[in-house]
Amino acid sequence: ALLGFWHTISTIRSNYQNGTTKFRSRFWYPFN
């Protein structure tokens, strides 16, 4: 649940930061 929650937040953030045209999914996200 915690892993999925972290990836959900990271996926949403990546989409809105890069824009829908430049979005590219990842199977893991680095911890800033």
PDB file of all heavy atoms in Angstrom:
ATOM      1  N   ALA A   1       0.828  -1.206   0.000  1.00  0.00           N
ATOM      2  CA  ALA A   1       0.000   0.000   0.000  1.00  0.00           C
ATOM      3  C   ALA A   1       0.863   1.257   0.000  1.00  0.00           C
ATOM      4  O   ALA A   1       0.596   2.212  -0.740  1.00  0.00           O
ATOM      5  CB  ALA A   1      -0.943  -0.016   1.200  1.00  0.00           C
ATOM      6  N   LEU A   2       1.911   1.278   0.823  1.00  0.00           N
ATOM      7  CA  LEU A   2       2.793   2.447   0.878  1.00  0.00           C
ATOM      8  C   LEU A   2       3.561   2.610  -0.433  1.00  0.00           C
ATOM      9  O   LEU A   2       3.734   3.738  -0.922  1.00  0.00           O
ATOM     10  CB  LEU A   2       3.771   2.299   2.050  1.00  0.00           C
ATOM     11  CG  LEU A   2       3.150   2.368   3.450  1.00  0.00           C
ATOM     12  CD1 LEU A   2       4.215   2.146   4.512  1.00  0.00           C
ATOM     13  CD2 LEU A   2       2.450   3.703   3.678  1.00  0.00           C
ATOM     14  N   LEU A   3       4.020   1.503  -1.009  1.00  0.00           N
ATOM     15  CA  LEU A   3       4.731   1.570  -2.286  1.00  0.00           C
ATOM     16  C   LEU A   3       3.818   2.095  -3.390  1.00  0.00           C
ATOM     17  O   LEU A   3       4.211   2.961  -4.183  1.00  0.00           O
ATOM     18  CB  LEU A   3       5.256   0.181  -2.651  1.00  0.00           C
ATOM     19  CG  LEU A   3       5.997   0.062  -3.993  1.00  0.00           C
ATOM     20  CD1 LEU A   3       7.276   0.890  -3.975  1.00  0.00           C
ATOM     21  CD2 LEU A   3       6.305  -1.394  -4.311  1.00  0.00           C
ATOM     22  N   GLY A   4       2.602   1.581  -3.451  1.00  0.00           N
ATOM     23  CA  GLY A   4       1.658   2.057  -4.451  1.00  0.00           C
ATOM     24  C   GLY A   4       1.286   3.510  -4.254  1.00  0.00           C
ATOM     25  O   GLY A   4       1.120   4.261  -5.230  1.00  0.00           O
ATOM     26  N   PHE A   5       1.158   3.938  -3.002  1.00  0.00           N
ATOM     27  CA  PHE A   5       0.824   5.335  -2.711  1.00  0.00           C
ATOM     28  C   PHE A   5       1.943   6.264  -3.174  1.00  0.00           C
ATOM     29  O   PHE A   5       1.684   7.319  -3.763  1.00  0.00           O
ATOM     30  CB  PHE A   5       0.584   5.499  -1.209  1.00  0.00           C
ATOM     31  CG  PHE A   5       0.158   6.878  -0.809  1.00  0.00           C
ATOM     32  CD1 PHE A   5      -1.091   7.365  -1.156  1.00  0.00           C
ATOM     33  CD2 PHE A   5       1.012   7.693  -0.086  1.00  0.00           C
ATOM     34  CE1 PHE A   5      -1.485   8.645  -0.789  1.00  0.00           C
ATOM     35  CE2 PHE A   5       0.631   8.975   0.286  1.00  0.00           C
ATOM     36  CZ  PHE A   5      -0.616   9.445  -0.072  1.00  0.00           C
ATOM     37  N   TRP A   6       3.206   5.878  -2.923  1.00  0.00           N
ATOM     38  CA  TRP A   6       4.348   6.678  -3.364  1.00  0.00           C
ATOM     39  C   TRP A   6       4.400   6.773  -4.886  1.00  0.00           C
ATOM     40  O   TRP A   6       4.628   7.851  -5.445  1.00  0.00           O
ATOM     41  CB  TRP A   6       5.633   6.078  -2.810  1.00  0.00           C
ATOM     42  CG  TRP A   6       6.886   6.555  -3.494  1.00  0.00           C
ATOM     43  CD1 TRP A   6       7.717   5.812  -4.269  1.00  0.00           C
ATOM     44  CD2 TRP A   6       7.433   7.878  -3.454  1.00  0.00           C
ATOM     45  NE1 TRP A   6       8.752   6.580  -4.720  1.00  0.00           N
ATOM     46  CE2 TRP A   6       8.613   7.852  -4.246  1.00  0.00           C
ATOM     47  CE3 TRP A   6       7.053   9.067  -2.846  1.00  0.00           C
ATOM     48  CZ2 TRP A   6       9.395   8.983  -4.436  1.00  0.00           C
ATOM     49  CZ3 TRP A   6       7.846  10.184  -3.030  1.00  0.00           C
ATOM     50  CH2 TRP A   6       8.994  10.141  -3.815  1.00  0.00           C
ATOM     51  N   HIS A   7       4.152   5.663  -5.565  1.00  0.00           N
ATOM     52  CA  HIS A   7       4.184   5.669  -7.027  1.00  0.00           C
ATOM     53  C   HIS A   7       2.995   6.440  -7.601  1.00  0.00           C
ATOM     54  O   HIS A   7       3.118   7.050  -8.678  1.00  0.00           O
ATOM     55  CB  HIS A   7       4.185   4.235  -7.546  1.00  0.00           C
ATOM     56  CG  HIS A   7       5.537   3.597  -7.522  1.00  0.00           C
ATOM     57  ND1 HIS A   7       6.143   3.078  -8.642  1.00  0.00           N
ATOM     58  CD2 HIS A   7       6.420   3.416  -6.516  1.00  0.00           C
ATOM     59  CE1 HIS A   7       7.332   2.594  -8.334  1.00  0.00           C
ATOM     60  NE2 HIS A   7       7.514   2.778  -7.029  1.00  0.00           N
ATOM     61  N   THR A   8       1.867   6.416  -6.927  1.00  0.00           N
ATOM     62  CA  THR A   8       0.713   7.184  -7.400  1.00  0.00           C
ATOM     63  C   THR A   8       0.999   8.680  -7.353  1.00  0.00           C
ATOM     64  O   THR A   8       0.757   9.405  -8.332  1.00  0.00           O
ATOM     65  CB  THR A   8      -0.522   6.860  -6.539  1.00  0.00           C
ATOM     66  OG1 THR A   8      -0.838   5.466  -6.652  1.00  0.00           O
ATOM     67  CG2 THR A   8      -1.721   7.670  -6.993  1.00  0.00           C
ATOM     68  N   ILE A   9       1.508   9.154  -6.227  1.00  0.00           N
ATOM     69  CA  ILE A   9       1.849  10.572  -6.102  1.00  0.00           C
ATOM     70  C   ILE A   9       2.907  10.964  -7.134  1.00  0.00           C
ATOM     71  O   ILE A   9       2.800  12.008  -7.794  1.00  0.00           O
ATOM     72  CB  ILE A   9       2.345  10.879  -4.676  1.00  0.00           C
ATOM     73  CG1 ILE A   9       1.212  10.692  -3.666  1.00  0.00           C
ATOM     74  CG2 ILE A   9       2.895  12.297  -4.585  1.00  0.00           C
ATOM     75  CD1 ILE A   9       1.634  10.925  -2.232  1.00  0.00           C
ATOM     76  N   SER A  10       3.922  10.127  -7.298  1.00  0.00           N
ATOM     77  CA  SER A  10       5.004  10.437  -8.229  1.00  0.00           C
ATOM     78  C   SER A  10       4.508  10.457  -9.672  1.00  0.00           C
ATOM     79  O   SER A  10       4.931  11.310 -10.471  1.00  0.00           O
ATOM     80  CB  SER A  10       6.126   9.413  -8.076  1.00  0.00           C
ATOM     81  OG  SER A  10       6.652   9.416  -6.763  1.00  0.00           O
ATOM     82  N   THR A  11       3.604   9.542 -10.023  1.00  0.00           N
ATOM     83  CA  THR A  11       3.066   9.508 -11.388  1.00  0.00           C
ATOM     84  C   THR A  11       2.230  10.741 -11.679  1.00  0.00           C
ATOM     85  O   THR A  11       2.361  11.366 -12.748  1.00  0.00           O
ATOM     86  CB  THR A  11       2.214   8.248 -11.592  1.00  0.00           C
ATOM     87  OG1 THR A  11       3.011   7.081 -11.355  1.00  0.00           O
ATOM     88  CG2 THR A  11       1.648   8.186 -12.997  1.00  0.00           C
ATOM     89  N   ILE A  12       1.383  11.128 -10.751  1.00  0.00           N
ATOM     90  CA  ILE A  12       0.552  12.321 -10.936  1.00  0.00           C
ATOM     91  C   ILE A  12       1.426  13.567 -11.015  1.00  0.00           C
ATOM     92  O   ILE A  12       1.224  14.446 -11.870  1.00  0.00           O
ATOM     93  CB  ILE A  12      -0.474  12.440  -9.800  1.00  0.00           C
ATOM     94  CG1 ILE A  12      -1.449  11.266  -9.840  1.00  0.00           C
ATOM     95  CG2 ILE A  12      -1.233  13.755  -9.893  1.00  0.00           C
ATOM     96  CD1 ILE A  12      -2.406  11.221  -8.672  1.00  0.00           C
ATOM     97  N   ARG A  13       2.405  13.674 -10.141  1.00  0.00           N
ATOM     98  CA  ARG A  13       3.295  14.837 -10.148  1.00  0.00           C
ATOM     99  C   ARG A  13       4.080  14.918 -11.450  1.00  0.00           C
ATOM    100  O   ARG A  13       4.248  16.009 -12.017  1.00  0.00           O
ATOM    101  CB  ARG A  13       4.249  14.751  -8.958  1.00  0.00           C
ATOM    102  CG  ARG A  13       5.234  15.915  -8.860  1.00  0.00           C
ATOM    103  CD  ARG A  13       6.032  15.811  -7.583  1.00  0.00           C
ATOM    104  NE  ARG A  13       6.698  14.513  -7.485  1.00  0.00           N
ATOM    105  CZ  ARG A  13       7.211  14.036  -6.349  1.00  0.00           C
ATOM    106  NH1 ARG A  13       7.113  14.732  -5.234  1.00  0.00           N
ATOM    107  NH2 ARG A  13       7.818  12.863  -6.346  1.00  0.00           N
ATOM    108  N   SER A  14       4.570  13.778 -11.943  1.00  0.00           N
ATOM    109  CA  SER A  14       5.323  13.767 -13.190  1.00  0.00           C
ATOM    110  C   SER A  14       4.456  14.210 -14.356  1.00  0.00           C
ATOM    111  O   SER A  14       4.916  14.937 -15.252  1.00  0.00           O
ATOM    112  CB  SER A  14       5.879  12.365 -13.458  1.00  0.00           C
ATOM    113  OG  SER A  14       6.525  12.292 -14.691  1.00  0.00           O
ATOM    114  N   ASN A  15       3.200  13.794 -14.356  1.00  0.00           N
ATOM    115  CA  ASN A  15       2.306  14.162 -15.450  1.00  0.00           C
ATOM    116  C   ASN A  15       2.038  15.664 -15.477  1.00  0.00           C
ATOM    117  O   ASN A  15       2.073  16.293 -16.544  1.00  0.00           O
ATOM    118  CB  ASN A  15       0.995  13.391 -15.318  1.00  0.00           C
ATOM    119  CG  ASN A  15      -0.003  13.753 -16.403  1.00  0.00           C
ATOM    120  OD1 ASN A  15       0.222  13.522 -17.585  1.00  0.00           O
ATOM    121  ND2 ASN A  15      -1.132  14.333 -15.997  1.00  0.00           N
ATOM    122  N   TYR A  16       1.787  16.266 -14.329  1.00  0.00           N
ATOM    123  CA  TYR A  16       1.444  17.676 -14.290  1.00  0.00           C
ATOM    124  C   TYR A  16       2.669  18.592 -14.343  1.00  0.00           C
ATOM    125  O   TYR A  16       2.548  19.761 -14.690  1.00  0.00           O
ATOM    126  CB  TYR A  16       0.605  17.983 -13.049  1.00  0.00           C
ATOM    127  CG  TYR A  16      -0.781  17.398 -13.138  1.00  0.00           C
ATOM    128  CD1 TYR A  16      -1.175  16.362 -12.295  1.00  0.00           C
ATOM    129  CD2 TYR A  16      -1.686  17.851 -14.089  1.00  0.00           C
ATOM    130  CE1 TYR A  16      -2.444  15.800 -12.393  1.00  0.00           C
ATOM    131  CE2 TYR A  16      -2.943  17.299 -14.191  1.00  0.00           C
ATOM    132  CZ  TYR A  16      -3.320  16.281 -13.337  1.00  0.00           C
ATOM    133  OH  TYR A  16      -4.571  15.732 -13.443  1.00  0.00           O
ATOM    134  N   GLN A  17       3.834  18.068 -14.016  1.00  0.00           N
ATOM    135  CA  GLN A  17       5.048  18.860 -14.150  1.00  0.00           C
ATOM    136  C   GLN A  17       5.564  18.871 -15.583  1.00  0.00           C
ATOM    137  O   GLN A  17       5.997  19.915 -16.090  1.00  0.00           O
ATOM    138  CB  GLN A  17       6.137  18.319 -13.217  1.00  0.00           C
ATOM    139  CG  GLN A  17       5.933  18.676 -11.749  1.00  0.00           C
ATOM    140  CD  GLN A  17       7.048  18.143 -10.864  1.00  0.00           C
ATOM    141  OE1 GLN A  17       7.871  17.326 -11.298  1.00  0.00           O
ATOM    142  NE2 GLN A  17       7.081  18.597  -9.625  1.00  0.00           N
ATOM    143  N   ASN A  18       5.531  17.713 -16.240  1.00  0.00           N
ATOM    144  CA  ASN A  18       6.045  17.613 -17.600  1.00  0.00           C
ATOM    145  C   ASN A  18       5.000  17.912 -18.668  1.00  0.00           C
ATOM    146  O   ASN A  18       5.351  18.174 -19.820  1.00  0.00           O
ATOM    147  CB  ASN A  18       6.617  16.210 -17.843  1.00  0.00           C
ATOM    148  CG  ASN A  18       7.742  15.871 -16.888  1.00  0.00           C
ATOM    149  OD1 ASN A  18       8.507  16.730 -16.498  1.00  0.00           O
ATOM    150  ND2 ASN A  18       7.833  14.598 -16.503  1.00  0.00           N
ATOM    151  N   GLY A  19       3.733  17.859 -18.279  1.00  0.00           N
ATOM    152  CA  GLY A  19       2.681  18.043 -19.269  1.00  0.00           C
ATOM    153  C   GLY A  19       2.301  16.725 -19.916  1.00  0.00           C
ATOM    154  O   GLY A  19       3.096  15.779 -19.971  1.00  0.00           O
ATOM    155  N   THR A  20       1.081  16.650 -20.416  1.00  0.00           N
ATOM    156  CA  THR A  20       0.576  15.398 -20.974  1.00  0.00           C
ATOM    157  C   THR A  20       1.330  14.984 -22.235  1.00  0.00           C
ATOM    158  O   THR A  20       1.439  13.789 -22.538  1.00  0.00           O
ATOM    159  CB  THR A  20      -0.919  15.533 -21.298  1.00  0.00           C
ATOM    160  OG1 THR A  20      -1.107  16.678 -22.164  1.00  0.00           O
ATOM    161  CG2 THR A  20      -1.734  15.740 -20.037  1.00  0.00           C
ATOM    162  N   THR A  21       1.860  15.950 -22.976  1.00  0.00           N
ATOM    163  CA  THR A  21       2.563  15.613 -24.219  1.00  0.00           C
ATOM    164  C   THR A  21       3.969  15.072 -23.967  1.00  0.00           C
ATOM    165  O   THR A  21       4.498  14.322 -24.785  1.00  0.00           O
ATOM    166  CB  THR A  21       2.643  16.846 -25.130  1.00  0.00           C
ATOM    167  OG1 THR A  21       3.305  17.903 -24.422  1.00  0.00           O
ATOM    168  CG2 THR A  21       1.249  17.302 -25.537  1.00  0.00           C
ATOM    169  N   LYS A  22       4.580  15.448 -22.849  1.00  0.00           N
ATOM    170  CA  LYS A  22       5.943  15.017 -22.548  1.00  0.00           C
ATOM    171  C   LYS A  22       5.997  13.954 -21.448  1.00  0.00           C
ATOM    172  O   LYS A  22       7.080  13.570 -21.010  1.00  0.00           O
ATOM    173  CB  LYS A  22       6.790  16.218 -22.124  1.00  0.00           C
ATOM    174  CG  LYS A  22       6.948  17.272 -23.214  1.00  0.00           C
ATOM    175  CD  LYS A  22       7.818  18.420 -22.723  1.00  0.00           C
ATOM    176  CE  LYS A  22       7.989  19.476 -23.800  1.00  0.00           C
ATOM    177  NZ  LYS A  22       8.832  20.606 -23.334  1.00  0.00           N
ATOM    178  N   PHE A  23       4.838  13.485 -20.997  1.00  0.00           N
ATOM    179  CA  PHE A  23       4.819  12.499 -19.918  1.00  0.00           C
ATOM    180  C   PHE A  23       5.378  11.167 -20.397  1.00  0.00           C
ATOM    181  O   PHE A  23       5.101  10.704 -21.500  1.00  0.00           O
ATOM    182  CB  PHE A  23       3.389  12.297 -19.404  1.00  0.00           C
ATOM    183  CG  PHE A  23       3.251  11.160 -18.430  1.00  0.00           C
ATOM    184  CD1 PHE A  23       3.650  11.310 -17.108  1.00  0.00           C
ATOM    185  CD2 PHE A  23       2.745   9.935 -18.844  1.00  0.00           C
ATOM    186  CE1 PHE A  23       3.542  10.257 -16.213  1.00  0.00           C
ATOM    187  CE2 PHE A  23       2.622   8.888 -17.952  1.00  0.00           C
ATOM    188  CZ  PHE A  23       3.023   9.049 -16.643  1.00  0.00           C
ATOM    189  N   ARG A  24       6.176  10.539 -19.544  1.00  0.00           N
ATOM    190  CA  ARG A  24       6.707   9.199 -19.794  1.00  0.00           C
ATOM    191  C   ARG A  24       6.714   8.440 -18.468  1.00  0.00           C
ATOM    192  O   ARG A  24       7.289   8.898 -17.480  1.00  0.00           O
ATOM    193  CB  ARG A  24       8.116   9.266 -20.385  1.00  0.00           C
ATOM    194  CG  ARG A  24       8.670   7.892 -20.785  1.00  0.00           C
ATOM    195  CD  ARG A  24       9.998   8.012 -21.482  1.00  0.00           C
ATOM    196  NE  ARG A  24      10.568   6.710 -21.809  1.00  0.00           N
ATOM    197  CZ  ARG A  24      10.264   6.002 -22.876  1.00  0.00           C
ATOM    198  NH1 ARG A  24       9.381   6.496 -23.738  1.00  0.00           N
ATOM    199  NH2 ARG A  24      10.824   4.835 -23.113  1.00  0.00           N
ATOM    200  N   SER A  25       6.064   7.296 -18.458  1.00  0.00           N
ATOM    201  CA  SER A  25       5.899   6.531 -17.228  1.00  0.00           C
ATOM    202  C   SER A  25       7.224   5.909 -16.802  1.00  0.00           C
ATOM    203  O   SER A  25       8.136   5.705 -17.602  1.00  0.00           O
ATOM    204  CB  SER A  25       4.851   5.426 -17.429  1.00  0.00           C
ATOM    205  OG  SER A  25       5.277   4.536 -18.437  1.00  0.00           O
ATOM    206  N   ARG A  26       7.301   5.612 -15.518  1.00  0.00           N
ATOM    207  CA  ARG A  26       8.460   4.944 -14.937  1.00  0.00           C
ATOM    208  C   ARG A  26       7.962   3.821 -14.034  1.00  0.00           C
ATOM    209  O   ARG A  26       6.857   3.885 -13.506  1.00  0.00           O
ATOM    210  CB  ARG A  26       9.299   5.918 -14.104  1.00  0.00           C
ATOM    211  CG  ARG A  26       9.928   7.051 -14.875  1.00  0.00           C
ATOM    212  CD  ARG A  26      10.636   7.993 -13.921  1.00  0.00           C
ATOM    213  NE  ARG A  26      11.719   7.314 -13.218  1.00  0.00           N
ATOM    214  CZ  ARG A  26      12.998   7.480 -13.496  1.00  0.00           C
ATOM    215  NH1 ARG A  26      13.375   8.295 -14.462  1.00  0.00           N
ATOM    216  NH2 ARG A  26      13.933   6.843 -12.817  1.00  0.00           N
ATOM    217  N   PHE A  27       8.791   2.790 -13.877  1.00  0.00           N
ATOM    218  CA  PHE A  27       8.452   1.687 -12.983  1.00  0.00           C
ATOM    219  C   PHE A  27       9.046   1.884 -11.597  1.00  0.00           C
ATOM    220  O   PHE A  27       8.852   1.057 -10.721  1.00  0.00           O
ATOM    221  CB  PHE A  27       8.919   0.361 -13.578  1.00  0.00           C
ATOM    222  CG  PHE A  27       8.140  -0.049 -14.792  1.00  0.00           C
ATOM    223  CD1 PHE A  27       8.656   0.112 -16.062  1.00  0.00           C
ATOM    224  CD2 PHE A  27       6.859  -0.577 -14.669  1.00  0.00           C
ATOM    225  CE1 PHE A  27       7.931  -0.257 -17.182  1.00  0.00           C
ATOM    226  CE2 PHE A  27       6.127  -0.947 -15.771  1.00  0.00           C
ATOM    227  CZ  PHE A  27       6.665  -0.789 -17.040  1.00  0.00           C
ATOM    228  N   TRP A  28       9.759   2.974 -11.420  1.00  0.00           N
ATOM    229  CA  TRP A  28      10.215   3.376 -10.099  1.00  0.00           C
ATOM    230  C   TRP A  28      10.498   4.874 -10.151  1.00  0.00           C
ATOM    231  O   TRP A  28      10.721   5.450 -11.231  1.00  0.00           O
ATOM    232  CB  TRP A  28      11.462   2.609  -9.671  1.00  0.00           C
ATOM    233  CG  TRP A  28      12.736   3.224 -10.171  1.00  0.00           C
ATOM    234  CD1 TRP A  28      13.262   3.132 -11.422  1.00  0.00           C
ATOM    235  CD2 TRP A  28      13.597   4.095  -9.437  1.00  0.00           C
ATOM    236  NE1 TRP A  28      14.407   3.863 -11.516  1.00  0.00           N
ATOM    237  CE2 TRP A  28      14.650   4.464 -10.317  1.00  0.00           C
ATOM    238  CE3 TRP A  28      13.607   4.577  -8.124  1.00  0.00           C
ATOM    239  CZ2 TRP A  28      15.677   5.297  -9.929  1.00  0.00           C
ATOM    240  CZ3 TRP A  28      14.647   5.407  -7.743  1.00  0.00           C
ATOM    241  CH2 TRP A  28      15.658   5.761  -8.635  1.00  0.00           C
ATOM    242  N   TYR A  29      10.459   5.542  -9.011  1.00  0.00           N
ATOM    243  CA  TYR A  29      10.680   6.983  -8.949  1.00  0.00           C
ATOM    244  C   TYR A  29      11.726   7.294  -7.885  1.00  0.00           C
ATOM    245  O   TYR A  29      11.648   6.788  -6.765  1.00  0.00           O
ATOM    246  CB  TYR A  29       9.380   7.716  -8.626  1.00  0.00           C
ATOM    247  CG  TYR A  29       8.396   7.697  -9.766  1.00  0.00           C
ATOM    248  CD1 TYR A  29       7.448   6.679  -9.884  1.00  0.00           C
ATOM    249  CD2 TYR A  29       8.416   8.683 -10.742  1.00  0.00           C
ATOM    250  CE1 TYR A  29       6.554   6.655 -10.928  1.00  0.00           C
ATOM    251  CE2 TYR A  29       7.519   8.672 -11.795  1.00  0.00           C
ATOM    252  CZ  TYR A  29       6.596   7.657 -11.885  1.00  0.00           C
ATOM    253  OH  TYR A  29       5.703   7.624 -12.935  1.00  0.00           O
ATOM    254  N   PRO A  30      12.715   8.125  -8.233  1.00  0.00           N
ATOM    255  CA  PRO A  30      13.755   8.466  -7.260  1.00  0.00           C
ATOM    256  C   PRO A  30      13.191   9.315  -6.132  1.00  0.00           C
ATOM    257  O   PRO A  30      12.221  10.065  -6.312  1.00  0.00           O
ATOM    258  CB  PRO A  30      14.780   9.247  -8.092  1.00  0.00           C
ATOM    259  CG  PRO A  30      13.997   9.790  -9.245  1.00  0.00           C
ATOM    260  CD  PRO A  30      12.926   8.787  -9.541  1.00  0.00           C
ATOM    261  N   PHE A  31      13.786   9.194  -4.986  1.00  0.00           N
ATOM    262  CA  PHE A  31      13.390   9.968  -3.808  1.00  0.00           C
ATOM    263  C   PHE A  31      14.251  11.221  -3.739  1.00  0.00           C
ATOM    264  O   PHE A  31      15.472  11.148  -3.608  1.00  0.00           O
ATOM    265  CB  PHE A  31      13.560   9.131  -2.544  1.00  0.00           C
ATOM    266  CG  PHE A  31      13.119   9.826  -1.289  1.00  0.00           C
ATOM    267  CD1 PHE A  31      11.775   9.991  -1.001  1.00  0.00           C
ATOM    268  CD2 PHE A  31      14.052  10.327  -0.394  1.00  0.00           C
ATOM    269  CE1 PHE A  31      11.369  10.637   0.155  1.00  0.00           C
ATOM    270  CE2 PHE A  31      13.660  10.975   0.757  1.00  0.00           C
ATOM    271  CZ  PHE A  31      12.307  11.127   1.034  1.00  0.00           C
ATOM    272  N   ASN A  32      13.607  12.384  -3.897  1.00  0.00           N
ATOM    273  CA  ASN A  32      14.335  13.646  -3.882  1.00  0.00           C
ATOM    274  C   ASN A  32      14.791  13.968  -2.468  1.00  0.00           C
ATOM    275  O   ASN A  32      13.976  14.214  -1.580  1.00  0.00           O
ATOM    276  CB  ASN A  32      13.454  14.776  -4.425  1.00  0.00           C
ATOM    277  CG  ASN A  32      13.070  14.551  -5.880  1.00  0.00           C
ATOM    278  OD1 ASN A  32      13.856  14.016  -6.648  1.00  0.00           O
ATOM    279  ND2 ASN A  32      11.862  14.949  -6.258  1.00  0.00           N
TER     280      ASN A  32
END
